[in-house]
Amino acid sequence: MTPGLAVALVCHGRIVWPAGYGVADQAKGQLVTPATRFQAASVSKPVTAWGVLRLVEQGRIGLDEPVVGHLRRWCPPPSPFKAEAITVRRLLSHTAGLSVHGYAGQTLERPLPPIEASLSGEADGSFPVELLEAPGRRWLYSGGGYSVLQLLVEELTGRLFADVMQTEILDALGMTTSSFQWHRTAATACPHDADGGRIPKFCFAEQAAAGLVTTAAELARFVAAALPGPEGEPPGRGVLSPAGVRLALTAAPATDGRWGLGYGLGLTPSGDRLAYHEGANRGWRAGLALLPDRGAGIVLLANGDDGSAPIDAVVQQWIALTTPNPKYRRLRAAVLAIPAVAAVTALGLAARRRTQVEGWRPPGTLTAFATATRLWRGGGPRGRGGARPGSCPGGRPGRPRRPG
């Protein structure tokens, strides 16, 4: 079961409906609201991408410039492949050939190690980041690549990654209670296992890959910022240029059209462009999606290991209701219908039974967020980036997980 779920909708670049369902803490009965803070897991990555692209637009580094020369605290271990071919673009698009799919995190008893300790495999729950393939050869999802970007941001700015992201991205977008530095407040939810039992909190040295803590309402600000605003504000909202946003939402080389810079990409059944990301930390699930050509978006945050099912169900319904199909033709219908869908989901009914979109079955290729989530479930070891289904943090056999 999923104890709590927070949802926010974006329409024409404006947040039109935030809501919370269920409880933030099963033991205390604390209710979820749009202001409840959740770990966003791998949904951290598109936010990180904005921070890195901002440094590119400021001229701190080139998008296709080798990054190794900027790294003083860590370098990739010896490999038959050329580390000089690792660039910002390839790191952002998961085409740098690097290992480490995701991270397990660590409990709060000890201070977080520096990111170079994680890159070297010396931190709890981490594996050494290695160059497994020639950079630019193909798409290979790598949380380790985003840890390299975290170090790069610190080397370029001389500041901690979380501080850079706070001033350059989060505060600039009005996400003032969000942070890449874990700290618990009274508004922070508690993580739960798949049975709804409370579990220990894990935090991450790998902040760029998995460390964002945010609310549904504030994460919706980030989604809205990638779209034209209701008063004619340009995409990027002054944090990125409109060209930078378009670049992030455009398929990068060697991704087979499936990935931009920080975002997964696809098409809905109606042919609309879709950008998305999802995430899974222990006790947390998250997802965001946007339809750039319709100015629409959605974010969902859950505080349970079973949260993927309600998130997938709501996103699938949102896609069906927001894009043309025989039954729903206007976004207004989606705005009116989604609260009911989310309410049912929060009660756990959608977690066990998905409603199929009328007249459509997911094809074998990546065409919608719901299809993408099925593809993710088939992979994801926590080590060298191979395809070992049914893995969980630390590489131990367990329930299949998605990038997180």
Protein backbone atom coordinates (compact mmCIF):
# COMPACT_ATOMS: atom_id res chain seq x y z
CA MET A 1 0.00 0.00 0.00
CA THR A 2 1.03 3.61 -0.52
CA PRO A 3 0.48 5.77 2.59
CA GLY A 4 0.47 9.13 0.83
CA LEU A 5 0.48 10.80 -2.56
CA ALA A 6 0.90 14.42 -3.59
CA VAL A 7 -0.10 15.61 -7.08
CA ALA A 8 0.11 18.90 -8.96
CA LEU A 9 -1.11 19.79 -12.44
CA VAL A 10 0.27 22.44 -14.78
CA CYS A 11 -1.85 24.00 -17.54
CA HIS A 12 -0.55 26.62 -19.99
CA GLY A 13 2.58 27.06 -17.89
CA ARG A 14 0.65 27.71 -14.66
CA ILE A 15 0.03 25.50 -11.64
CA VAL A 16 -3.73 24.94 -11.67
CA TRP A 17 -4.30 22.19 -9.14
CA PRO A 18 -2.11 20.89 -6.29
CA ALA A 19 -3.46 18.32 -3.83
CA GLY A 20 -2.44 15.77 -1.23
CA TYR A 21 -3.95 12.40 -0.33
CA GLY A 22 -3.33 9.92 2.46
CA VAL A 23 -0.83 10.32 5.27
CA ALA A 24 2.74 11.56 5.44
CA ASP A 25 3.42 9.44 8.53
CA GLN A 26 1.41 6.31 9.20
CA ALA A 27 2.33 6.30 12.90
CA LYS A 28 1.21 9.87 13.59
CA GLY A 29 -1.59 10.14 11.06
CA GLN A 30 -0.08 13.35 9.63
CA LEU A 31 -1.91 14.21 6.40
CA VAL A 32 -0.25 14.81 3.04
CA THR A 33 -0.72 18.31 1.61
CA PRO A 34 0.69 20.03 -1.50
CA ALA A 35 3.37 21.46 0.84
CA THR A 36 4.51 18.06 2.18
CA ARG A 37 8.18 17.40 1.40
CA PHE A 38 9.23 14.14 -0.29
CA GLN A 39 12.46 12.74 -1.63
CA ALA A 40 12.29 13.05 -5.40
CA ALA A 41 14.87 10.32 -6.11
CA SER A 42 15.97 10.33 -9.77
CA VAL A 43 13.60 13.18 -10.57
CA SER A 44 16.58 15.10 -9.18
CA LYS A 45 18.30 14.56 -12.53
CA PRO A 46 16.33 16.98 -14.76
CA VAL A 47 16.67 19.66 -12.08
CA THR A 48 20.42 18.97 -11.96
CA ALA A 49 20.48 19.24 -15.76
CA TRP A 50 19.14 22.79 -15.51
CA GLY A 51 21.94 23.69 -13.11
CA VAL A 52 24.58 22.28 -15.43
CA LEU A 53 23.06 23.93 -18.51
CA ARG A 54 23.02 27.24 -16.66
CA LEU A 55 26.78 26.92 -16.18
CA VAL A 56 27.10 26.15 -19.90
CA GLU A 57 25.09 29.27 -20.77
CA GLN A 58 27.28 31.31 -18.42
CA GLY A 59 30.34 30.16 -20.36
CA ARG A 60 31.86 28.14 -17.51
CA ILE A 61 32.21 25.06 -19.74
CA GLY A 62 31.21 23.99 -23.24
CA LEU A 63 28.47 21.45 -23.83
CA ASP A 64 30.82 19.30 -25.90
CA GLU A 65 33.96 20.09 -23.94
CA PRO A 66 35.78 17.19 -22.23
CA VAL A 67 35.15 17.28 -18.50
CA VAL A 68 38.14 15.28 -17.26
CA GLY A 69 40.47 18.27 -17.48
CA HIS A 70 38.26 20.16 -15.02
CA LEU A 71 38.26 17.39 -12.40
CA ARG A 72 40.99 17.54 -9.76
CA ARG A 73 39.51 15.45 -6.94
CA TRP A 74 38.72 12.33 -9.01
CA CYS A 75 39.38 10.86 -12.43
CA PRO A 76 37.99 7.73 -14.11
CA PRO A 77 40.03 4.58 -13.45
CA PRO A 78 42.08 3.17 -16.34
CA SER A 79 39.98 1.88 -19.20
CA PRO A 80 40.49 0.82 -22.84
CA PHE A 81 38.19 3.71 -23.78
CA LYS A 82 39.08 7.40 -23.98
CA ALA A 83 38.00 9.34 -20.91
CA GLU A 84 38.68 12.55 -22.85
CA ALA A 85 35.52 11.82 -24.84
CA ILE A 86 33.33 12.25 -21.74
CA THR A 87 31.49 15.55 -22.27
CA VAL A 88 28.74 17.47 -20.52
CA ARG A 89 26.25 16.57 -23.26
CA ARG A 90 27.04 12.87 -22.96
CA LEU A 91 26.82 12.90 -19.17
CA LEU A 92 23.44 14.64 -19.24
CA SER A 93 22.06 12.24 -21.87
CA HIS A 94 23.47 8.98 -20.39
CA THR A 95 25.71 8.38 -23.39
CA ALA A 96 29.08 8.78 -21.66
CA GLY A 97 29.52 5.00 -21.23
CA LEU A 98 29.77 5.17 -17.43
CA SER A 99 28.74 2.59 -14.85
CA VAL A 100 26.58 2.72 -11.69
CA HIS A 101 22.92 2.69 -12.47
CA GLY A 102 21.72 4.08 -9.12
CA TYR A 103 22.42 4.43 -5.41
CA ALA A 104 21.23 2.89 -2.16
CA GLY A 105 21.91 5.89 0.09
CA GLN A 106 22.98 5.73 3.71
CA THR A 107 21.32 6.17 7.08
CA LEU A 108 21.70 9.36 9.06
CA GLU A 109 24.10 8.13 11.77
CA ARG A 110 27.19 9.42 9.95
CA PRO A 111 27.94 12.55 7.93
CA LEU A 112 27.70 12.24 4.19
CA PRO A 113 31.07 11.70 2.46
CA PRO A 114 32.26 13.99 -0.34
CA ILE A 115 31.16 13.08 -3.82
CA GLU A 116 34.63 11.92 -4.85
CA ALA A 117 34.40 9.16 -2.20
CA SER A 118 31.24 7.92 -3.87
CA LEU A 119 32.82 8.10 -7.31
CA SER A 120 35.68 5.97 -6.02
CA GLY A 121 33.29 3.45 -4.45
CA GLU A 122 34.38 4.31 -0.90
CA ALA A 123 30.99 5.57 0.36
CA ASP A 124 28.24 3.43 1.85
CA GLY A 125 26.01 1.97 -0.82
CA SER A 126 28.18 3.14 -3.70
CA PHE A 127 30.16 1.45 -6.45
CA PRO A 128 33.17 2.89 -8.27
CA VAL A 129 32.23 4.77 -11.41
CA GLU A 130 34.04 3.22 -14.35
CA LEU A 131 34.16 3.78 -18.10
CA LEU A 132 32.48 0.66 -19.51
CA GLU A 133 32.00 1.70 -23.13
CA ALA A 134 33.25 4.23 -25.63
CA PRO A 135 31.59 7.58 -24.85
CA GLY A 136 29.00 8.50 -27.46
CA ARG A 137 28.46 4.91 -28.59
CA ARG A 138 25.00 4.30 -27.11
CA TRP A 139 22.55 5.16 -24.33
CA LEU A 140 23.36 3.55 -20.95
CA TYR A 141 21.51 4.94 -17.93
CA SER A 142 24.07 6.05 -15.36
CA GLY A 143 23.48 7.69 -12.02
CA GLY A 144 27.26 7.62 -11.81
CA GLY A 145 27.40 10.07 -14.71
CA TYR A 146 25.33 12.54 -12.71
CA SER A 147 27.71 12.13 -9.78
CA VAL A 148 30.49 13.19 -12.17
CA LEU A 149 28.36 16.24 -13.02
CA GLN A 150 27.97 16.98 -9.30
CA LEU A 151 31.74 17.02 -8.90
CA LEU A 152 32.08 19.11 -12.07
CA VAL A 153 29.70 21.76 -10.69
CA GLU A 154 31.74 21.96 -7.48
CA GLU A 155 35.05 22.17 -9.38
CA LEU A 156 33.78 24.88 -11.74
CA THR A 157 32.22 27.05 -9.03
CA GLY A 158 34.32 26.36 -5.94
CA ARG A 159 31.07 25.83 -4.00
CA LEU A 160 29.11 22.87 -2.72
CA PHE A 161 26.72 21.41 -5.28
CA ALA A 162 23.66 21.83 -3.06
CA ASP A 163 24.48 25.51 -2.49
CA VAL A 164 24.91 26.18 -6.21
CA MET A 165 21.61 24.50 -7.02
CA GLN A 166 19.83 26.38 -4.25
CA THR A 167 20.81 29.83 -5.45
CA GLU A 168 20.98 29.26 -9.21
CA ILE A 169 17.91 27.05 -9.74
CA LEU A 170 15.67 26.37 -6.76
CA ASP A 171 15.43 29.85 -5.24
CA ALA A 172 15.34 31.41 -8.71
CA LEU A 173 12.23 29.35 -9.55
CA GLY A 174 10.54 30.00 -6.22
CA MET A 175 11.28 26.50 -4.90
CA THR A 176 12.40 27.90 -1.57
CA THR A 177 11.55 24.91 0.65
CA SER A 178 13.18 22.45 -1.76
CA SER A 179 16.81 21.43 -1.30
CA PHE A 180 19.48 19.02 -2.49
CA GLN A 181 20.72 18.85 1.12
CA TRP A 182 18.70 16.48 3.28
CA HIS A 183 17.16 18.02 6.38
CA ARG A 184 13.94 16.98 8.02
CA THR A 185 11.25 19.51 8.86
CA ALA A 186 7.78 19.14 10.34
CA ALA A 187 6.44 19.14 6.76
CA THR A 188 8.63 16.23 5.62
CA ALA A 189 6.93 12.89 5.01
CA CYS A 190 8.31 9.59 6.29
CA PRO A 191 9.31 6.72 3.98
CA HIS A 192 7.43 3.42 4.08
CA ASP A 193 7.93 -0.06 2.69
CA ALA A 194 5.58 -1.82 0.29
CA ASP A 195 3.36 -2.94 3.18
CA GLY A 196 3.02 0.58 4.56
CA GLY A 197 5.45 0.07 7.43
CA ARG A 198 7.75 2.93 8.37
CA ILE A 199 11.42 2.40 7.42
CA PRO A 200 14.65 4.26 8.25
CA LYS A 201 15.45 7.43 6.34
CA PHE A 202 18.26 7.25 3.80
CA CYS A 203 20.10 10.25 2.44
CA PHE A 204 22.53 10.61 -0.44
CA ALA A 205 26.02 11.93 -1.02
CA GLU A 206 24.99 11.58 -4.67
CA GLN A 207 22.76 14.64 -4.56
CA ALA A 208 22.72 15.34 -8.29
CA ALA A 209 21.45 11.84 -9.04
CA ALA A 210 19.04 11.24 -6.17
CA GLY A 211 19.16 13.93 -3.47
CA LEU A 212 16.40 16.44 -4.20
CA VAL A 213 13.78 16.95 -1.46
CA THR A 214 10.75 18.89 -2.68
CA THR A 215 6.98 19.33 -2.63
CA ALA A 216 4.45 18.66 -5.37
CA ALA A 217 3.63 22.36 -5.61
CA GLU A 218 7.28 23.39 -5.94
CA LEU A 219 8.25 20.61 -8.34
CA ALA A 220 5.32 21.79 -10.47
CA ARG A 221 7.03 25.19 -10.60
CA PHE A 222 10.00 23.47 -12.20
CA VAL A 223 7.77 21.73 -14.74
CA ALA A 224 5.94 24.98 -15.50
CA ALA A 225 9.26 26.79 -16.02
CA ALA A 226 9.97 24.59 -19.06
CA LEU A 227 6.77 25.83 -20.72
CA PRO A 228 5.62 29.24 -21.98
CA GLY A 229 4.00 31.14 -19.12
CA PRO A 230 0.37 32.31 -18.92
CA GLU A 231 1.43 35.95 -19.33
CA GLY A 232 3.79 35.30 -22.20
CA GLU A 233 6.82 34.44 -20.06
CA PRO A 234 9.38 32.51 -22.11
CA PRO A 235 10.36 28.93 -21.31
CA GLY A 236 13.23 28.92 -18.85
CA ARG A 237 11.81 31.85 -16.85
CA GLY A 238 15.17 33.62 -17.02
CA VAL A 239 17.00 30.73 -15.38
CA LEU A 240 17.69 29.07 -18.73
CA SER A 241 17.25 30.59 -22.16
CA PRO A 242 14.37 29.29 -24.31
CA ALA A 243 17.02 27.75 -26.54
CA GLY A 244 18.49 25.95 -23.54
CA VAL A 245 15.09 24.50 -22.64
CA ARG A 246 14.52 23.37 -26.23
CA LEU A 247 17.93 21.69 -26.17
CA ALA A 248 17.07 19.82 -22.97
CA LEU A 249 13.82 18.58 -24.51
CA THR A 250 15.42 17.49 -27.81
CA ALA A 251 16.78 14.00 -28.36
CA ALA A 252 20.54 13.85 -27.91
CA PRO A 253 22.85 11.89 -30.24
CA ALA A 254 23.21 8.14 -29.64
CA THR A 255 19.97 7.90 -27.60
CA ASP A 256 17.75 6.49 -30.38
CA GLY A 257 15.46 9.44 -29.75
CA ARG A 258 14.68 8.33 -26.19
CA TRP A 259 16.58 10.90 -24.13
CA GLY A 260 17.29 14.61 -24.06
CA LEU A 261 19.49 16.43 -21.55
CA GLY A 262 18.02 15.32 -18.23
CA TYR A 263 14.66 14.14 -19.57
CA GLY A 264 13.32 10.92 -21.02
CA LEU A 265 11.47 11.53 -24.29
CA GLY A 266 8.67 9.79 -26.12
CA LEU A 267 5.35 10.17 -27.89
CA THR A 268 1.84 9.72 -26.54
CA PRO A 269 -0.61 7.49 -28.42
CA SER A 270 -1.96 10.65 -30.09
CA GLY A 271 1.51 11.64 -31.29
CA ASP A 272 2.15 14.43 -28.77
CA ARG A 273 5.74 14.95 -27.61
CA LEU A 274 6.27 13.75 -24.05
CA ALA A 275 9.15 14.55 -21.68
CA TYR A 276 9.36 12.76 -18.35
CA HIS A 277 11.42 11.35 -15.52
CA GLU A 278 10.65 9.04 -12.66
CA GLY A 279 12.51 7.99 -9.56
CA ALA A 280 12.76 5.45 -6.77
CA ASN A 281 14.61 5.77 -3.48
CA ARG A 282 13.97 3.37 -0.63
CA GLY A 283 10.57 4.32 0.74
CA TRP A 284 9.91 6.98 -1.92
CA ARG A 285 8.62 7.14 -5.50
CA ALA A 286 8.33 10.17 -7.81
CA GLY A 287 7.44 11.13 -11.36
CA LEU A 288 7.04 14.16 -13.57
CA ALA A 289 5.84 14.50 -17.13
CA LEU A 290 5.18 17.38 -19.50
CA LEU A 291 3.61 17.82 -22.91
CA PRO A 292 5.58 20.77 -24.33
CA ASP A 293 3.28 21.41 -27.28
CA ARG A 294 0.22 21.61 -25.02
CA GLY A 295 1.76 23.59 -22.17
CA ALA A 296 0.70 20.85 -19.76
CA GLY A 297 2.49 18.94 -17.02
CA ILE A 298 2.03 16.77 -13.95
CA VAL A 299 4.13 15.85 -10.91
CA LEU A 300 3.51 13.08 -8.39
CA LEU A 301 5.33 12.20 -5.17
CA ALA A 302 4.69 9.16 -2.96
CA ASN A 303 6.12 8.01 0.36
CA GLY A 304 6.04 4.25 -0.11
CA ASP A 305 7.84 1.52 -2.02
CA ASP A 306 4.52 0.61 -3.63
CA GLY A 307 4.08 4.15 -4.94
CA SER A 308 4.96 3.32 -8.54
CA ALA A 309 1.56 1.74 -9.20
CA PRO A 310 -0.57 4.77 -8.30
CA ILE A 311 1.88 7.14 -9.98
CA ASP A 312 1.79 5.13 -13.20
CA ALA A 313 -2.00 4.86 -13.08
CA VAL A 314 -2.51 8.60 -12.62
CA VAL A 315 0.01 9.54 -15.32
CA GLN A 316 -1.57 7.11 -17.75
CA GLN A 317 -4.97 8.68 -17.11
CA TRP A 318 -3.54 12.19 -17.37
CA ILE A 319 -2.02 11.42 -20.76
CA ALA A 320 -5.31 9.96 -21.98
CA LEU A 321 -7.34 12.91 -20.73
CA THR A 322 -4.96 15.66 -21.81
CA THR A 323 -4.35 14.46 -25.37
CA PRO A 324 -7.04 13.88 -28.02
CA ASN A 325 -9.00 10.67 -27.88
CA PRO A 326 -12.65 9.82 -28.60
CA LYS A 327 -13.82 10.66 -25.09
CA TYR A 328 -11.75 13.66 -23.89
CA ARG A 329 -10.67 16.48 -26.17
CA ARG A 330 -9.90 19.40 -23.89
CA LEU A 331 -7.41 19.93 -21.12
CA ARG A 332 -10.30 21.31 -19.08
CA ALA A 333 -11.72 17.81 -18.95
CA ALA A 334 -8.41 16.59 -17.55
CA VAL A 335 -8.36 19.27 -14.87
CA LEU A 336 -11.85 18.25 -13.78
CA ALA A 337 -11.27 14.50 -13.97
CA ILE A 338 -7.80 14.09 -12.46
CA PRO A 339 -8.86 14.94 -8.85
CA ALA A 340 -11.25 12.01 -8.91
CA VAL A 341 -8.60 9.71 -10.38
CA ALA A 342 -6.04 10.82 -7.80
CA ALA A 343 -8.51 10.39 -4.95
CA VAL A 344 -9.25 6.82 -6.01
CA THR A 345 -5.54 6.18 -6.40
CA ALA A 346 -4.78 7.52 -2.95
CA LEU A 347 -7.26 5.06 -1.47
CA GLY A 348 -5.19 2.28 -3.02
CA LEU A 349 -7.74 1.17 -5.63
CA ALA A 350 -5.59 2.10 -8.63
CA ALA A 351 -2.53 0.48 -7.09
CA ARG A 352 -3.92 -2.96 -7.88
CA ARG A 353 -5.90 -2.28 -11.06
CA ARG A 354 -4.84 -0.05 -13.94
CA THR A 355 -7.51 1.43 -16.19
CA GLN A 356 -6.57 0.92 -19.82
CA VAL A 357 -6.92 3.86 -22.18
CA GLU A 358 -9.86 3.18 -24.45
CA GLY A 359 -8.85 1.85 -27.84
CA TRP A 360 -5.13 1.75 -27.11
CA ARG A 361 -2.66 -0.85 -25.96
CA PRO A 362 0.98 -0.05 -25.23
CA PRO A 363 3.11 -1.02 -28.23
CA GLY A 364 6.56 -2.53 -27.96
CA THR A 365 8.40 0.76 -28.31
CA LEU A 366 8.69 3.77 -26.05
CA THR A 367 5.60 5.86 -26.80
CA ALA A 368 4.21 6.91 -23.44
CA PHE A 369 5.22 7.37 -19.82
CA ALA A 370 3.28 4.27 -18.77
CA THR A 371 5.08 2.17 -21.37
CA ALA A 372 8.42 3.61 -20.30
CA THR A 373 7.83 2.60 -16.71
CA ARG A 374 7.36 -1.00 -17.81
CA LEU A 375 10.64 -0.87 -19.70
CA TRP A 376 12.44 0.49 -16.66
CA ARG A 377 11.27 -2.33 -14.47
CA GLY A 378 13.29 -4.81 -16.48
CA GLY A 379 16.71 -3.40 -15.64
CA GLY A 380 18.73 -1.65 -13.08
CA PRO A 381 21.54 -3.31 -11.17
CA ARG A 382 23.38 -1.05 -8.77
CA GLY A 383 26.84 -1.83 -10.05
CA ARG A 384 28.45 -1.89 -13.44
CA GLY A 385 25.38 -1.03 -15.46
CA GLY A 386 24.61 -4.44 -16.93
CA ALA A 387 21.11 -5.84 -17.39
CA ARG A 388 20.27 -7.86 -14.34
CA PRO A 389 16.51 -7.81 -13.69
CA GLY A 390 15.11 -7.89 -10.21
CA SER A 391 17.82 -5.90 -8.47
CA CYS A 392 17.58 -3.51 -5.59
CA PRO A 393 20.01 -1.20 -3.73
CA GLY A 394 23.40 -2.78 -3.23
CA GLY A 395 22.93 -5.27 -6.05
CA ARG A 396 21.07 -7.81 -3.89
CA PRO A 397 18.26 -9.79 -5.56
CA GLY A 398 14.90 -8.25 -4.81
CA ARG A 399 11.88 -6.57 -6.31
CA PRO A 400 12.47 -4.98 -9.72
CA ARG A 401 13.25 -1.28 -9.50
CA ARG A 402 13.46 1.64 -11.84
CA PRO A 403 16.21 4.22 -12.06
CA GLY A 404 16.62 5.86 -8.69
